[in-house]
Amino acid sequence: MSGDEPAETGTHEGGPAVSGGTVSYVLQQFPEKLALVKLPVGAEVPSWAESSSLFSVTATATETTLICAGRNVPTKQVAHKGLVAFSVQGPIPTEATGVLAALLVPLAEEQISVFSISTFETDWVLVPSGATERATEAWRRHGHTVRPAVPVGASRAPREREPRAGNGTDKPPRMTGRSRKDPQSDQQPDRRSGSSSKEKRKR
């Protein structure tokens, strides 16, 4: 790049924005308050944690720590509750550097304590619920964007309805956890077994 050419600006698809050599990120704030839970060494994931929209388990030789929805944590369980999660809009390349530094330094300047976790595609920053507004303001002053998280599935385009053969209507078939009937038996009544199975959905 010659000295007369402008610095790179804009937003990389699915990643951070770059302006004048400074990288800024988009953070998504999740509405559910989380808890940092202490579990016995070698403990399995409790069933009460699995209904959380977000949960993470870290197990070492000396401790097991769980992050999940605070509403699910039993009263007598050792836990630090009232955490709000912010995810960095990604995916963030695994070789990227300085991501957490760019996000945590503004919070350190405001004396805001944080917890952070990483997934394959991005990073998460957890702050006390009482410091959420201060954290948001600090990030924005440093050029970052904070917005509410998009619910899972909300950004998906609606599926086009296709007429069912032989019935002359565009009413979509009812979907269940069971397999659909054989297309060759389309002229037969829709008979299903009386048994059912429940799918445990993790979000």
Protein backbone atom coordinates (compact mmCIF):
# COMPACT_ATOMS: atom_id res chain seq x y z
CA MET A 1 0.00 0.00 0.00
CA SER A 2 1.42 3.38 -0.99
CA GLY A 3 1.45 6.35 1.36
CA ASP A 4 -1.28 8.04 -0.69
CA GLU A 5 -3.75 5.16 -0.39
CA PRO A 6 -6.40 5.38 2.34
CA ALA A 7 -6.27 3.01 5.28
CA GLU A 8 -8.53 -0.03 5.09
CA THR A 9 -12.02 0.59 6.36
CA GLY A 10 -15.22 -1.39 6.54
CA THR A 11 -16.44 -4.59 8.07
CA HIS A 12 -15.13 -8.04 7.28
CA GLU A 13 -18.01 -10.43 6.71
CA GLY A 14 -18.87 -12.06 10.02
CA GLY A 15 -15.96 -10.41 11.78
CA PRO A 16 -14.65 -7.14 13.25
CA ALA A 17 -14.69 -3.74 11.59
CA VAL A 18 -11.40 -2.10 10.67
CA SER A 19 -10.97 1.66 10.50
CA GLY A 20 -7.62 3.39 10.18
CA GLY A 21 -5.84 0.30 11.51
CA THR A 22 -8.01 0.16 14.64
CA VAL A 23 -10.16 -2.92 15.07
CA SER A 24 -13.61 -2.60 16.59
CA TYR A 25 -15.99 -5.41 17.45
CA VAL A 26 -19.72 -5.98 17.62
CA LEU A 27 -20.86 -7.44 20.94
CA GLN A 28 -24.22 -9.09 21.45
CA GLN A 29 -25.79 -8.86 24.90
CA PHE A 30 -27.76 -11.91 26.04
CA PRO A 31 -30.80 -11.25 28.25
CA GLU A 32 -30.51 -14.28 30.52
CA LYS A 33 -28.53 -13.77 33.73
CA LEU A 34 -25.91 -16.44 34.30
CA ALA A 35 -24.09 -17.95 37.25
CA LEU A 36 -20.57 -19.26 37.81
CA VAL A 37 -21.04 -22.51 39.72
CA LYS A 38 -18.52 -24.57 41.68
CA LEU A 39 -18.95 -28.34 41.33
CA PRO A 40 -17.07 -31.27 42.89
CA VAL A 41 -14.01 -32.56 41.04
CA GLY A 42 -15.11 -35.00 38.34
CA ALA A 43 -18.79 -34.07 38.65
CA GLU A 44 -21.09 -34.64 35.70
CA VAL A 45 -23.18 -31.84 34.23
CA PRO A 46 -26.29 -31.51 36.44
CA SER A 47 -29.61 -31.95 34.69
CA TRP A 48 -30.79 -28.58 35.99
CA ALA A 49 -28.07 -26.85 33.96
CA GLU A 50 -28.94 -28.33 30.59
CA SER A 51 -32.04 -26.20 30.04
CA SER A 52 -29.94 -23.03 29.96
CA SER A 53 -29.69 -21.14 26.69
CA LEU A 54 -25.95 -21.08 27.35
CA PHE A 55 -23.89 -23.36 29.54
CA SER A 56 -20.21 -24.19 29.65
CA VAL A 57 -18.21 -26.67 31.71
CA THR A 58 -14.51 -26.48 32.54
CA ALA A 59 -13.00 -29.47 34.32
CA THR A 60 -9.43 -29.74 35.62
CA ALA A 61 -7.66 -32.05 38.03
CA THR A 62 -8.49 -29.70 40.90
CA GLU A 63 -11.92 -28.23 40.10
CA THR A 64 -15.02 -28.32 37.95
CA THR A 65 -16.72 -25.05 37.05
CA LEU A 66 -20.05 -24.58 35.35
CA ILE A 67 -21.58 -21.52 33.72
CA CYS A 68 -25.34 -21.70 33.26
CA ALA A 69 -28.59 -19.81 33.80
CA GLY A 70 -28.74 -18.45 37.34
CA ARG A 71 -32.43 -19.31 37.65
CA ASN A 72 -31.57 -23.01 37.48
CA VAL A 73 -28.97 -23.10 40.25
CA PRO A 74 -30.15 -24.70 43.53
CA THR A 75 -30.17 -22.38 46.52
CA LYS A 76 -27.52 -24.31 48.46
CA GLN A 77 -25.14 -24.60 45.50
CA VAL A 78 -21.90 -22.60 45.75
CA ALA A 79 -22.21 -20.05 42.95
CA HIS A 80 -21.57 -16.48 41.87
CA LYS A 81 -24.81 -15.28 40.29
CA GLY A 82 -25.98 -12.21 38.40
CA LEU A 83 -23.66 -12.29 35.39
CA VAL A 84 -24.54 -10.88 31.98
CA ALA A 85 -22.95 -12.42 28.88
CA PHE A 86 -21.71 -10.59 25.79
CA SER A 87 -20.57 -12.56 22.76
CA VAL A 88 -18.25 -11.16 20.12
CA GLN A 89 -19.86 -11.31 16.70
CA GLY A 90 -17.84 -13.77 14.68
CA PRO A 91 -16.57 -16.06 13.57
CA ILE A 92 -13.23 -14.84 14.90
CA PRO A 93 -10.23 -16.53 13.22
CA THR A 94 -8.37 -18.80 15.62
CA GLU A 95 -5.11 -17.01 14.74
CA ALA A 96 -6.54 -13.56 15.59
CA THR A 97 -4.64 -11.66 18.28
CA GLY A 98 -5.63 -8.89 20.67
CA VAL A 99 -9.35 -9.66 20.70
CA LEU A 100 -9.73 -9.95 24.46
CA ALA A 101 -7.24 -7.15 25.07
CA ALA A 102 -9.37 -4.79 22.96
CA LEU A 103 -12.44 -5.70 25.00
CA LEU A 104 -11.05 -6.11 28.51
CA VAL A 105 -8.80 -3.05 28.72
CA PRO A 106 -11.80 -0.66 28.57
CA LEU A 107 -13.42 -2.60 31.41
CA ALA A 108 -10.23 -2.62 33.49
CA GLU A 109 -10.08 1.16 33.15
CA GLU A 110 -13.57 1.28 34.68
CA GLN A 111 -12.65 -1.18 37.46
CA ILE A 112 -15.19 -3.73 36.17
CA SER A 113 -14.47 -7.36 37.02
CA VAL A 114 -14.96 -9.89 34.23
CA PHE A 115 -15.01 -13.57 33.40
CA SER A 116 -14.26 -14.75 29.89
CA ILE A 117 -14.78 -17.99 27.99
CA SER A 118 -14.01 -18.99 24.42
CA THR A 119 -15.72 -21.22 21.89
CA PHE A 120 -14.36 -22.41 18.56
CA GLU A 121 -15.76 -19.39 16.71
CA THR A 122 -15.77 -16.53 19.19
CA ASP A 123 -15.15 -15.16 22.69
CA TRP A 124 -17.58 -14.37 25.50
CA VAL A 125 -17.23 -11.73 28.20
CA LEU A 126 -19.30 -11.97 31.40
CA VAL A 127 -19.75 -8.94 33.64
CA PRO A 128 -21.77 -8.37 36.83
CA SER A 129 -25.32 -7.31 36.00
CA GLY A 130 -24.87 -4.15 38.06
CA ALA A 131 -22.00 -3.07 35.80
CA THR A 132 -23.71 -3.78 32.48
CA GLU A 133 -24.44 -0.15 31.62
CA ARG A 134 -20.92 1.00 32.53
CA ALA A 135 -19.39 -1.80 30.46
CA THR A 136 -21.54 -0.93 27.46
CA GLU A 137 -20.60 2.74 27.67
CA ALA A 138 -16.90 1.89 28.01
CA TRP A 139 -16.95 -0.31 24.92
CA ARG A 140 -18.76 2.30 22.86
CA ARG A 141 -16.24 4.96 23.83
CA HIS A 142 -13.55 2.68 22.41
CA GLY A 143 -15.39 2.28 19.11
CA HIS A 144 -17.13 -1.04 19.72
CA THR A 145 -20.81 -1.70 19.04
CA VAL A 146 -23.16 -3.31 21.58
CA ARG A 147 -26.57 -4.63 20.58
CA PRO A 148 -29.11 -7.18 21.86
CA ALA A 149 -28.49 -10.77 20.85
CA VAL A 150 -30.58 -12.13 17.99
CA PRO A 151 -32.73 -15.08 19.15
CA VAL A 152 -31.77 -18.42 17.65
CA GLY A 153 -33.59 -18.93 14.37
CA ALA A 154 -34.84 -15.35 14.12
CA SER A 155 -32.55 -14.52 11.20
CA ARG A 156 -33.53 -17.53 9.15
CA ALA A 157 -35.56 -16.88 6.02
CA PRO A 158 -39.06 -18.41 6.11
CA ARG A 159 -39.39 -21.65 4.23
CA GLU A 160 -41.61 -21.66 1.14
CA ARG A 161 -44.67 -23.82 1.44
CA GLU A 162 -45.08 -26.54 -1.14
CA PRO A 163 -48.46 -28.15 -1.94
CA ARG A 164 -48.83 -31.69 -0.72
CA ALA A 165 -49.45 -34.16 -3.53
CA GLY A 166 -53.04 -35.21 -3.94
CA ASN A 167 -54.74 -32.86 -1.46
CA GLY A 168 -54.84 -29.59 -3.43
CA THR A 169 -53.85 -27.45 -0.43
CA ASP A 170 -50.72 -25.60 0.58
CA LYS A 171 -51.08 -26.47 4.26
CA PRO A 172 -47.64 -27.63 5.47
CA PRO A 173 -47.29 -31.08 7.02
CA ARG A 174 -47.22 -31.23 10.78
CA MET A 175 -43.66 -31.91 11.95
CA THR A 176 -42.97 -34.07 14.97
CA GLY A 177 -40.00 -35.81 16.52
CA ARG A 178 -40.99 -39.01 14.67
CA SER A 179 -40.11 -39.90 11.11
CA ARG A 180 -42.49 -38.86 8.34
CA LYS A 181 -44.65 -41.50 6.70
CA ASP A 182 -43.54 -43.29 3.52
CA PRO A 183 -44.41 -41.12 0.46
CA GLN A 184 -45.76 -44.23 -1.27
CA SER A 185 -48.54 -44.44 1.30
CA ASP A 186 -49.72 -40.86 0.73
CA GLN A 187 -53.23 -42.01 -0.11
CA GLN A 188 -53.47 -43.87 3.19
CA PRO A 189 -54.60 -42.21 6.45
CA ASP A 190 -51.77 -40.60 8.39
CA ARG A 191 -51.29 -43.17 11.11
CA ARG A 192 -48.71 -42.79 13.79
CA SER A 193 -47.63 -44.97 16.63
CA GLY A 194 -49.00 -44.12 20.07
CA SER A 195 -45.47 -43.91 21.41
CA SER A 196 -43.52 -40.69 21.33
CA SER A 197 -40.06 -39.51 22.10
CA LYS A 198 -38.99 -36.22 23.58
CA GLU A 199 -35.97 -34.51 22.22
CA LYS A 200 -33.84 -32.65 24.69
CA ARG A 201 -32.92 -29.38 23.06
CA LYS A 202 -29.79 -27.55 24.09
CA ARG A 203 -29.34 -23.91 23.27
